[in-house]
N, C-alpha and C. Protein backbone atom coordinates (compact mmCIF):
# COMPACT_ATOMS: atom_id res chain seq x y z
N MET A 1 164.58 37.27 45.89
CA MET A 1 163.17 36.34 45.69
C MET A 1 162.49 37.86 45.18
N LYS A 2 162.14 38.77 44.24
CA LYS A 2 161.20 39.86 44.11
C LYS A 2 160.15 39.19 44.45
N THR A 3 159.69 40.64 45.10
CA THR A 3 158.16 40.32 45.73
C THR A 3 157.55 40.54 44.64
N THR A 4 155.58 40.67 44.87
CA THR A 4 155.14 40.51 44.46
C THR A 4 154.63 41.86 44.19
N GLU A 5 155.12 43.61 44.91
CA GLU A 5 154.92 44.19 44.72
C GLU A 5 155.99 44.38 42.98
N GLN A 6 157.20 43.97 43.22
CA GLN A 6 158.50 44.68 42.61
C GLN A 6 158.13 44.11 41.08
N ILE A 7 157.41 42.92 40.80
CA ILE A 7 157.38 41.79 40.09
C ILE A 7 156.31 43.09 38.83
N ILE A 8 155.27 43.49 40.16
CA ILE A 8 154.11 44.70 39.02
C ILE A 8 155.04 45.95 39.03
N GLN A 9 155.91 46.66 40.00
CA GLN A 9 156.53 47.14 39.67
C GLN A 9 156.85 47.24 38.22
N ASN A 10 157.74 46.11 38.04
CA ASN A 10 158.48 46.04 37.13
C ASN A 10 157.67 45.77 34.98
N ALA A 11 156.68 45.45 35.57
CA ALA A 11 155.98 45.21 34.74
C ALA A 11 155.00 46.41 34.64
N GLU A 12 154.82 47.34 35.43
CA GLU A 12 154.29 48.46 34.67
C GLU A 12 155.36 49.64 34.40
N ALA A 13 156.46 49.38 34.86
CA ALA A 13 157.93 50.60 34.17
C ALA A 13 157.82 49.75 32.98
N SER A 14 157.89 48.22 32.16
CA SER A 14 157.54 48.47 30.75
C SER A 14 156.60 49.25 29.87
N LEU A 15 155.57 48.76 30.19
CA LEU A 15 154.15 49.57 29.65
C LEU A 15 154.12 50.73 29.27
N ARG A 16 154.96 51.70 30.17
CA ARG A 16 154.68 52.80 30.68
C ARG A 16 155.90 52.61 29.48
N MET A 17 156.91 52.00 29.33
CA MET A 17 157.54 52.91 28.22
C MET A 17 157.49 52.66 26.90
N GLU A 18 155.80 51.55 26.89
CA GLU A 18 155.46 51.43 25.48
C GLU A 18 154.29 52.82 25.57
N GLY A 19 153.94 53.20 26.54
CA GLY A 19 152.68 53.93 26.59
C GLY A 19 151.47 54.15 27.04
N LEU A 20 151.65 52.45 28.12
CA LEU A 20 150.14 51.91 28.25
C LEU A 20 150.88 51.75 29.75
N TYR A 21 148.93 52.08 30.36
CA TYR A 21 149.93 51.78 31.93
C TYR A 21 147.97 51.46 32.06
N ILE A 22 148.20 50.47 33.85
CA ILE A 22 146.79 49.29 33.95
C ILE A 22 146.95 50.47 34.89
N SER A 23 145.54 49.98 35.09
CA SER A 23 143.93 50.06 36.19
C SER A 23 144.68 49.49 37.65
N GLU A 24 144.02 50.61 38.16
CA GLU A 24 144.09 49.87 40.53
C GLU A 24 143.63 48.90 39.77
N GLU A 25 142.51 47.80 39.17
CA GLU A 25 141.82 47.04 39.21
C GLU A 25 142.44 45.85 39.05
N ALA A 26 143.13 46.12 37.12
CA ALA A 26 144.05 45.01 36.72
C ALA A 26 145.19 45.22 37.54
N ARG A 27 145.57 45.55 38.85
CA ARG A 27 146.81 45.63 38.80
C ARG A 27 146.42 44.57 40.87
N ARG A 28 145.39 45.36 41.33
CA ARG A 28 144.72 44.45 42.08
C ARG A 28 144.51 43.32 41.79
N GLU A 29 144.00 42.17 40.70
CA GLU A 29 144.30 41.24 40.28
C GLU A 29 145.18 40.47 39.78
N CYS A 30 146.24 41.49 39.10
CA CYS A 30 147.56 40.53 39.39
C CYS A 30 148.41 40.11 40.25
N ALA A 31 148.24 41.44 41.69
CA ALA A 31 148.69 41.00 42.12
C ALA A 31 148.42 39.82 43.03
N GLN A 32 146.91 39.24 42.70
CA GLN A 32 146.18 38.00 42.81
C GLN A 32 146.65 37.07 42.33
N VAL A 33 146.64 36.77 41.49
CA VAL A 33 147.76 36.14 40.57
C VAL A 33 148.68 35.07 41.18
N LEU A 34 149.38 36.57 41.32
CA LEU A 34 150.59 36.23 41.59
C LEU A 34 151.39 35.53 42.32
N ASN A 35 149.86 35.64 43.52
CA ASN A 35 149.76 35.44 44.99
C ASN A 35 149.42 33.89 44.93
N GLY A 36 148.52 33.95 44.21
CA GLY A 36 147.99 32.12 44.01
C GLY A 36 146.90 32.17 44.86
N GLU A 37 145.66 33.67 44.56
CA GLU A 37 144.33 33.70 45.16
C GLU A 37 143.89 33.73 43.96
N MET A 38 144.26 33.66 42.72
CA MET A 38 143.19 33.03 41.45
C MET A 38 144.12 32.87 40.48
N THR A 39 143.08 32.05 39.72
CA THR A 39 144.37 31.65 38.23
C THR A 39 144.01 32.67 37.51
N HIS A 40 145.43 31.81 36.73
CA HIS A 40 145.15 32.47 34.95
C HIS A 40 144.33 33.17 34.49
N GLU A 41 142.96 31.78 34.38
CA GLU A 41 142.27 31.72 33.42
C GLU A 41 140.86 32.42 34.08
N GLN A 42 140.81 32.49 35.39
CA GLN A 42 139.74 33.34 36.28
C GLN A 42 140.47 34.90 35.60
N TYR A 43 141.51 34.97 35.98
CA TYR A 43 141.67 36.75 35.41
C TYR A 43 141.15 36.52 33.88
N VAL A 44 141.76 35.92 33.16
CA VAL A 44 141.54 36.18 32.29
C VAL A 44 139.66 36.53 31.91
N MET A 45 139.05 35.18 31.81
CA MET A 45 137.74 35.85 32.18
C MET A 45 137.03 36.99 33.63
N ASN A 46 137.53 37.45 34.22
CA ASN A 46 137.53 38.49 34.92
C ASN A 46 137.81 39.76 33.79
N VAL A 47 138.58 39.96 33.31
CA VAL A 47 138.77 40.57 32.18
C VAL A 47 137.80 41.17 30.69
N ARG A 48 137.79 39.71 30.07
CA ARG A 48 136.92 39.69 29.54
C ARG A 48 135.95 40.57 29.18
N SER A 49 135.46 39.61 30.68
CA SER A 49 134.04 39.69 31.13
C SER A 49 134.02 41.95 31.50
N ARG A 50 134.71 42.32 32.18
CA ARG A 50 134.80 43.21 32.12
C ARG A 50 134.65 44.48 31.03
N TYR A 51 135.35 43.77 29.59
CA TYR A 51 135.23 44.65 28.19
C TYR A 51 134.13 43.94 27.64
N GLY A 52 133.40 43.06 27.95
CA GLY A 52 132.60 42.77 27.03
C GLY A 52 132.71 42.21 26.24
N VAL A 53 133.69 41.04 26.55
CA VAL A 53 134.34 40.51 25.50
C VAL A 53 133.70 38.79 25.72
N ASP A 54 133.39 38.30 24.48
CA ASP A 54 132.76 36.65 24.87
C ASP A 54 133.61 35.97 25.27
N THR A 55 133.54 35.26 26.72
CA THR A 55 134.29 34.55 27.72
C THR A 55 135.19 33.38 26.20
N GLY A 56 133.12 32.76 25.73
CA GLY A 56 133.27 31.41 25.02
C GLY A 56 134.20 30.05 25.79
N ALA A 57 133.83 30.63 27.14
CA ALA A 57 133.57 29.45 27.66
C ALA A 57 133.20 28.51 27.55
N SER A 58 133.69 26.82 27.57
CA SER A 58 132.40 25.82 27.51
C SER A 58 133.35 24.54 28.24
N ASN A 59 132.81 23.51 28.49
CA ASN A 59 133.68 23.12 29.29
C ASN A 59 134.34 23.75 30.44
N GLY A 60 134.65 24.91 30.90
CA GLY A 60 135.48 25.45 31.75
C GLY A 60 136.99 25.89 31.15
N LYS A 61 137.14 25.77 30.11
CA LYS A 61 137.97 26.13 29.12
C LYS A 61 138.09 27.31 28.18
N LEU A 62 138.92 28.30 28.21
CA LEU A 62 138.93 29.54 27.13
C LEU A 62 138.75 28.53 25.47
N GLN A 63 138.36 29.63 25.24
CA GLN A 63 138.36 28.74 23.22
C GLN A 63 138.85 30.30 22.45
N SER A 64 140.05 30.71 21.96
CA SER A 64 139.57 31.56 20.68
C SER A 64 139.50 32.05 20.11
């Protein structure tokens, strides 16, 4: 089984092939999600909040 670090490194390699990069903060949060320390929904809310995107949260659920 791959480690969290290996999974993140693979994702980073894929992003670099597309000319994209991941911030250290996003990298840490991805590790937290993969390690079960943060839910995917919490991660999405953090990212949306960080970049000033309305979370549209209602009753704890994301809305598109």
